[in-house]
PDB file of N, CA and C in Angstrom:
ATOM      1  N   UNK A   1      83.566  82.801  95.390  1.00  0.00           N
ATOM      2  CA  UNK A   1      82.131  82.638  95.463  1.00  0.00           C
ATOM      3  C   UNK A   1      81.419  83.881  94.924  1.00  0.00           C
ATOM      4  N   UNK A   2      80.150  83.785  94.704  1.00  0.00           N
ATOM      5  CA  UNK A   2      79.375  84.842  94.052  1.00  0.00           C
ATOM      6  C   UNK A   2      79.319  86.118  94.888  1.00  0.00           C
ATOM      7  N   UNK A   3      79.152  86.006  96.198  1.00  0.00           N
ATOM      8  CA  UNK A   3      79.068  87.188  97.057  1.00  0.00           C
ATOM      9  C   UNK A   3      80.384  87.965  97.045  1.00  0.00           C
ATOM     10  N   UNK A   4      81.490  87.241  97.068  1.00  0.00           N
ATOM     11  CA  UNK A   4      82.810  87.882  97.029  1.00  0.00           C
ATOM     12  C   UNK A   4      83.007  88.599  95.690  1.00  0.00           C
ATOM     13  N   UNK A   5      82.580  87.951  94.605  1.00  0.00           N
ATOM     14  CA  UNK A   5      82.726  88.547  93.278  1.00  0.00           C
ATOM     15  C   UNK A   5      81.908  89.833  93.171  1.00  0.00           C
ATOM     16  N   UNK A   6      80.693  89.830  93.689  1.00  0.00           N
ATOM     17  CA  UNK A   6      79.835  91.021  93.663  1.00  0.00           C
ATOM     18  C   UNK A   6      80.478  92.148  94.465  1.00  0.00           C
ATOM     19  N   UNK A   7      81.038  91.825  95.625  1.00  0.00           N
ATOM     20  CA  UNK A   7      81.695  92.835  96.460  1.00  0.00           C
ATOM     21  C   UNK A   7      82.892  93.439  95.741  1.00  0.00           C
ATOM     22  N   UNK A   8      83.646  92.614  95.037  1.00  0.00           N
ATOM     23  CA  UNK A   8      84.811  93.116  94.305  1.00  0.00           C
ATOM     24  C   UNK A   8      84.365  93.982  93.129  1.00  0.00           C
ATOM     25  N   UNK A   9      83.304  93.602  92.446  1.00  0.00           N
ATOM     26  CA  UNK A   9      82.767  94.414  91.344  1.00  0.00           C
ATOM     27  C   UNK A   9      82.360  95.786  91.880  1.00  0.00           C
ATOM     28  N   UNK A  10      81.705  95.817  93.026  1.00  0.00           N
ATOM     29  CA  UNK A  10      81.307  97.091  93.637  1.00  0.00           C
ATOM     30  C   UNK A  10      82.532  97.932  93.971  1.00  0.00           C
ATOM     31  N   UNK A  11      83.586  97.295  94.490  1.00  0.00           N
ATOM     32  CA  UNK A  11      84.808  98.016  94.830  1.00  0.00           C
ATOM     33  C   UNK A  11      85.453  98.610  93.580  1.00  0.00           C
ATOM     34  N   UNK A  12      85.463  97.862  92.487  1.00  0.00           N
ATOM     35  CA  UNK A  12      86.022  98.370  91.226  1.00  0.00           C
ATOM     36  C   UNK A  12      85.232  99.593  90.771  1.00  0.00           C
ATOM     37  N   UNK A  13      83.925  99.521  90.862  1.00  0.00           N
ATOM     38  CA  UNK A  13      83.084 100.656  90.440  1.00  0.00           C
ATOM     39  C   UNK A  13      83.312 101.877  91.315  1.00  0.00           C
ATOM     40  N   UNK A  14      83.651 101.680  92.593  1.00  0.00           N
ATOM     41  CA  UNK A  14      83.917 102.804  93.491  1.00  0.00           C
ATOM     42  C   UNK A  14      85.215 103.515  93.130  1.00  0.00           C
ATOM     43  N   UNK A  15      86.227 102.762  92.750  1.00  0.00           N
ATOM     44  CA  UNK A  15      87.534 103.377  92.494  1.00  0.00           C
ATOM     45  C   UNK A  15      87.707 103.833  91.048  1.00  0.00           C
ATOM     46  N   UNK A  16      86.843 103.385  90.149  1.00  0.00           N
ATOM     47  CA  UNK A  16      86.920 103.809  88.755  1.00  0.00           C
ATOM     48  C   UNK A  16      85.607 104.516  88.412  1.00  0.00           C
ATOM     49  N   UNK A  17      85.564 105.838  88.613  1.00  0.00           N
ATOM     50  CA  UNK A  17      84.333 106.591  88.354  1.00  0.00           C
ATOM     51  C   UNK A  17      83.841 106.415  86.914  1.00  0.00           C
ATOM     52  N   UNK A  18      82.533 106.316  86.774  1.00  0.00           N
ATOM     53  CA  UNK A  18      81.929 106.230  85.447  1.00  0.00           C
ATOM     54  C   UNK A  18      81.912 104.836  84.846  1.00  0.00           C
ATOM     55  N   UNK A  19      82.464 103.862  85.549  1.00  0.00           N
ATOM     56  CA  UNK A  19      82.492 102.493  85.039  1.00  0.00           C
ATOM     57  C   UNK A  19      81.130 101.851  85.287  1.00  0.00           C
ATOM     58  N   UNK A  20      80.541 101.338  84.238  1.00  0.00           N
ATOM     59  CA  UNK A  20      79.241 100.700  84.352  1.00  0.00           C
ATOM     60  C   UNK A  20      79.352  99.313  84.971  1.00  0.00           C
ATOM     61  N   UNK A  21      78.206  98.764  85.319  1.00  0.00           N
ATOM     62  CA  UNK A  21      78.168  97.450  85.947  1.00  0.00           C
ATOM     63  C   UNK A  21      78.759  96.380  85.034  1.00  0.00           C
ATOM     64  N   UNK A  22      78.383  96.387  83.765  1.00  0.00           N
ATOM     65  CA  UNK A  22      78.880  95.376  82.825  1.00  0.00           C
ATOM     66  C   UNK A  22      80.389  95.499  82.658  1.00  0.00           C
ATOM     67  N   UNK A  23      80.882  96.736  82.533  1.00  0.00           N
ATOM     68  CA  UNK A  23      82.318  96.940  82.352  1.00  0.00           C
ATOM     69  C   UNK A  23      83.095  96.481  83.591  1.00  0.00           C
ATOM     70  N   UNK A  24      82.553  96.776  84.770  1.00  0.00           N
ATOM     71  CA  UNK A  24      83.214  96.348  86.008  1.00  0.00           C
ATOM     72  C   UNK A  24      83.214  94.830  86.112  1.00  0.00           C
ATOM     73  N   UNK A  25      82.102  94.206  85.763  1.00  0.00           N
ATOM     74  CA  UNK A  25      82.007  92.741  85.798  1.00  0.00           C
ATOM     75  C   UNK A  25      83.012  92.129  84.817  1.00  0.00           C
ATOM     76  N   UNK A  26      83.077  92.681  83.600  1.00  0.00           N
ATOM     77  CA  UNK A  26      84.026  92.180  82.602  1.00  0.00           C
ATOM     78  C   UNK A  26      85.465  92.335  83.086  1.00  0.00           C
ATOM     79  N   UNK A  27      85.755  93.460  83.734  1.00  0.00           N
ATOM     80  CA  UNK A  27      87.092  93.714  84.253  1.00  0.00           C
ATOM     81  C   UNK A  27      87.460  92.668  85.304  1.00  0.00           C
ATOM     82  N   UNK A  28      86.553  92.431  86.251  1.00  0.00           N
ATOM     83  CA  UNK A  28      86.813  91.463  87.323  1.00  0.00           C
ATOM     84  C   UNK A  28      86.995  90.065  86.745  1.00  0.00           C
ATOM     85  N   UNK A  29      86.203  89.706  85.759  1.00  0.00           N
ATOM     86  CA  UNK A  29      86.346  88.390  85.133  1.00  0.00           C
ATOM     87  C   UNK A  29      87.658  88.274  84.364  1.00  0.00           C
ATOM     88  N   UNK A  30      88.112  89.370  83.767  1.00  0.00           N
ATOM     89  CA  UNK A  30      89.371  89.361  83.013  1.00  0.00           C
ATOM     90  C   UNK A  30      90.570  89.185  83.942  1.00  0.00           C
ATOM     91  N   UNK A  31      90.445  89.616  85.178  1.00  0.00           N
ATOM     92  CA  UNK A  31      91.541  89.486  86.138  1.00  0.00           C
ATOM     93  C   UNK A  31      91.873  88.011  86.384  1.00  0.00           C
ATOM     94  N   UNK A  32      90.897  87.146  86.205  1.00  0.00           N
ATOM     95  CA  UNK A  32      91.147  85.709  86.379  1.00  0.00           C
ATOM     96  C   UNK A  32      92.210  85.212  85.396  1.00  0.00           C
ATOM     97  N   UNK A  33      92.325  85.860  84.245  1.00  0.00           N
ATOM     98  CA  UNK A  33      93.311  85.475  83.240  1.00  0.00           C
ATOM     99  C   UNK A  33      94.684  86.067  83.527  1.00  0.00           C
ATOM    100  N   UNK A  34      94.728  87.053  84.389  1.00  0.00           N
ATOM    101  CA  UNK A  34      96.002  87.686  84.721  1.00  0.00           C
ATOM    102  C   UNK A  34      95.773  89.051  85.317  1.00  0.00           C
ATOM    103  N   UNK A  35      96.762  89.587  86.004  1.00  0.00           N
ATOM    104  CA  UNK A  35      96.623  90.893  86.661  1.00  0.00           C
ATOM    105  C   UNK A  35      96.275  92.007  85.672  1.00  0.00           C
ATOM    106  N   UNK A  36      95.500  92.965  86.142  1.00  0.00           N
ATOM    107  CA  UNK A  36      95.119  94.122  85.337  1.00  0.00           C
ATOM    108  C   UNK A  36      95.399  95.394  86.124  1.00  0.00           C
ATOM    109  N   UNK A  37      95.736  96.456  85.435  1.00  0.00           N
ATOM    110  CA  UNK A  37      95.946  97.753  86.064  1.00  0.00           C
ATOM    111  C   UNK A  37      94.599  98.424  86.268  1.00  0.00           C
ATOM    112  N   UNK A  38      94.345  98.877  87.491  1.00  0.00           N
ATOM    113  CA  UNK A  38      93.098  99.566  87.796  1.00  0.00           C
ATOM    114  C   UNK A  38      93.284 101.064  87.589  1.00  0.00           C
ATOM    115  N   UNK A  39      94.326 101.618  88.177  1.00  0.00           N
ATOM    116  CA  UNK A  39      94.615 103.049  88.055  1.00  0.00           C
ATOM    117  C   UNK A  39      96.123 103.240  88.047  1.00  0.00           C
ATOM    118  N   UNK A  40      96.542 104.329  87.421  1.00  0.00           N
ATOM    119  CA  UNK A  40      97.961 104.675  87.385  1.00  0.00           C
ATOM    120  C   UNK A  40      98.151 106.100  87.879  1.00  0.00           C
ATOM    121  N   UNK A  41      99.350 106.389  88.342  1.00  0.00           N
ATOM    122  CA  UNK A  41      99.708 107.744  88.729  1.00  0.00           C
ATOM    123  C   UNK A  41      99.095 108.206  90.040  1.00  0.00           C
ATOM    124  N   UNK A  42      98.745 107.285  90.911  1.00  0.00           N
ATOM    125  CA  UNK A  42      98.172 107.653  92.199  1.00  0.00           C
ATOM    126  C   UNK A  42      99.272 107.976  93.198  1.00  0.00           C
ATOM    127  N   UNK A  43      98.915 108.788  94.186  1.00  0.00           N
ATOM    128  CA  UNK A  43      99.845 109.011  95.290  1.00  0.00           C
ATOM    129  C   UNK A  43      99.911 107.723  96.104  1.00  0.00           C
ATOM    130  N   UNK A  44     100.956 107.564  96.887  1.00  0.00           N
ATOM    131  CA  UNK A  44     101.106 106.380  97.735  1.00  0.00           C
ATOM    132  C   UNK A  44      99.893 106.240  98.651  1.00  0.00           C
ATOM    133  N   UNK A  45      99.439 107.344  99.195  1.00  0.00           N
ATOM    134  CA  UNK A  45      98.296 107.334 100.114  1.00  0.00           C
ATOM    135  C   UNK A  45      97.028 106.847  99.409  1.00  0.00           C
ATOM    136  N   UNK A  46      96.760 107.378  98.214  1.00  0.00           N
ATOM    137  CA  UNK A  46      95.569 106.967  97.464  1.00  0.00           C
ATOM    138  C   UNK A  46      95.654 105.503  97.025  1.00  0.00           C
ATOM    139  N   UNK A  47      96.852 105.077  96.630  1.00  0.00           N
ATOM    140  CA  UNK A  47      97.045 103.679  96.226  1.00  0.00           C
ATOM    141  C   UNK A  47      96.807 102.748  97.411  1.00  0.00           C
ATOM    142  N   UNK A  48      97.286 103.133  98.576  1.00  0.00           N
ATOM    143  CA  UNK A  48      97.074 102.315  99.779  1.00  0.00           C
ATOM    144  C   UNK A  48      95.594 102.227 100.130  1.00  0.00           C
ATOM    145  N   UNK A  49      94.868 103.333  99.986  1.00  0.00           N
ATOM    146  CA  UNK A  49      93.426 103.338 100.267  1.00  0.00           C
ATOM    147  C   UNK A  49      92.690 102.411  99.301  1.00  0.00           C
ATOM    148  N   UNK A  50      93.047 102.491  98.021  1.00  0.00           N
ATOM    149  CA  UNK A  50      92.408 101.644  97.020  1.00  0.00           C
ATOM    150  C   UNK A  50      92.700 100.170  97.300  1.00  0.00           C
ATOM    151  N   UNK A  51      93.944  99.852  97.617  1.00  0.00           N
ATOM    152  CA  UNK A  51      94.312  98.471  97.917  1.00  0.00           C
ATOM    153  C   UNK A  51      93.534  97.969  99.133  1.00  0.00           C
ATOM    154  N   UNK A  52      93.364  98.822 100.124  1.00  0.00           N
ATOM    155  CA  UNK A  52      92.621  98.441 101.320  1.00  0.00           C
ATOM    156  C   UNK A  52      91.167  98.131 100.986  1.00  0.00           C
ATOM    157  N   UNK A  53      90.573  98.892 100.062  1.00  0.00           N
ATOM    158  CA  UNK A  53      89.193  98.637  99.647  1.00  0.00           C
ATOM    159  C   UNK A  53      89.060  97.242  99.041  1.00  0.00           C
ATOM    160  N   UNK A  54      89.996  96.870  98.187  1.00  0.00           N
ATOM    161  CA  UNK A  54      89.945  95.558  97.551  1.00  0.00           C
ATOM    162  C   UNK A  54      90.180  94.444  98.569  1.00  0.00           C
ATOM    163  N   UNK A  55      91.141  94.636  99.437  1.00  0.00           N
ATOM    164  CA  UNK A  55      91.454  93.612 100.428  1.00  0.00           C
ATOM    165  C   UNK A  55      90.299  93.431 101.413  1.00  0.00           C
ATOM    166  N   UNK A  56      89.598  94.518 101.724  1.00  0.00           N
ATOM    167  CA  UNK A  56      88.464  94.472 102.650  1.00  0.00           C
ATOM    168  C   UNK A  56      87.355  93.545 102.150  1.00  0.00           C
ATOM    169  N   UNK A  57      87.192  93.469 100.831  1.00  0.00           N
ATOM    170  CA  UNK A  57      86.124  92.631 100.261  1.00  0.00           C
ATOM    171  C   UNK A  57      86.652  91.286  99.762  1.00  0.00           C
ATOM    172  N   UNK A  58      87.908  90.981 100.072  1.00  0.00           N
ATOM    173  CA  UNK A  58      88.462  89.683  99.730  1.00  0.00           C
ATOM    174  C   UNK A  58      89.246  89.643  98.429  1.00  0.00           C
ATOM    175  N   UNK A  59      89.488  90.797  97.844  1.00  0.00           N
ATOM    176  CA  UNK A  59      90.268  90.851  96.610  1.00  0.00           C
ATOM    177  C   UNK A  59      91.759  90.959  96.897  1.00  0.00           C
ATOM    178  N   UNK A  60      92.533  90.876  95.857  1.00  0.00           N
ATOM    179  CA  UNK A  60      93.974  91.029  95.962  1.00  0.00           C
ATOM    180  C   UNK A  60      94.377  92.260  95.183  1.00  0.00           C
ATOM    181  N   UNK A  61      95.416  92.937  95.666  1.00  0.00           N
ATOM    182  CA  UNK A  61      95.876  94.151  95.007  1.00  0.00           C
ATOM    183  C   UNK A  61      97.369  94.288  95.220  1.00  0.00           C
ATOM    184  N   UNK A  62      98.061  94.654  94.158  1.00  0.00           N
ATOM    185  CA  UNK A  62      99.501  94.873  94.238  1.00  0.00           C
ATOM    186  C   UNK A  62      99.780  96.293  93.770  1.00  0.00           C
ATOM    187  N   UNK A  63     100.558  97.011  94.560  1.00  0.00           N
ATOM    188  CA  UNK A  63     100.921  98.380  94.211  1.00  0.00           C
ATOM    189  C   UNK A  63     102.322  98.352  93.618  1.00  0.00           C
ATOM    190  N   UNK A  64     102.446  98.944  92.442  1.00  0.00           N
ATOM    191  CA  UNK A  64     103.761  98.977  91.781  1.00  0.00           C
ATOM    192  C   UNK A  64     104.243 100.397  91.697  1.00  0.00           C
TER     193      UNK A  64
END
């Protein structure tokens, strides 16, 4: 739904500094076509925090 999508866009903008609204929206829409990498090289702790942010707003996140 639209509210969930907006919340996920906000979460993407929080974890990717400098990402504009349009870029975050495009990123979230592209995820519908398949998984996308948000960040690489994070510590386990930082990756867990980021995943929790996405899950909190109804998104899905996989840590590799």
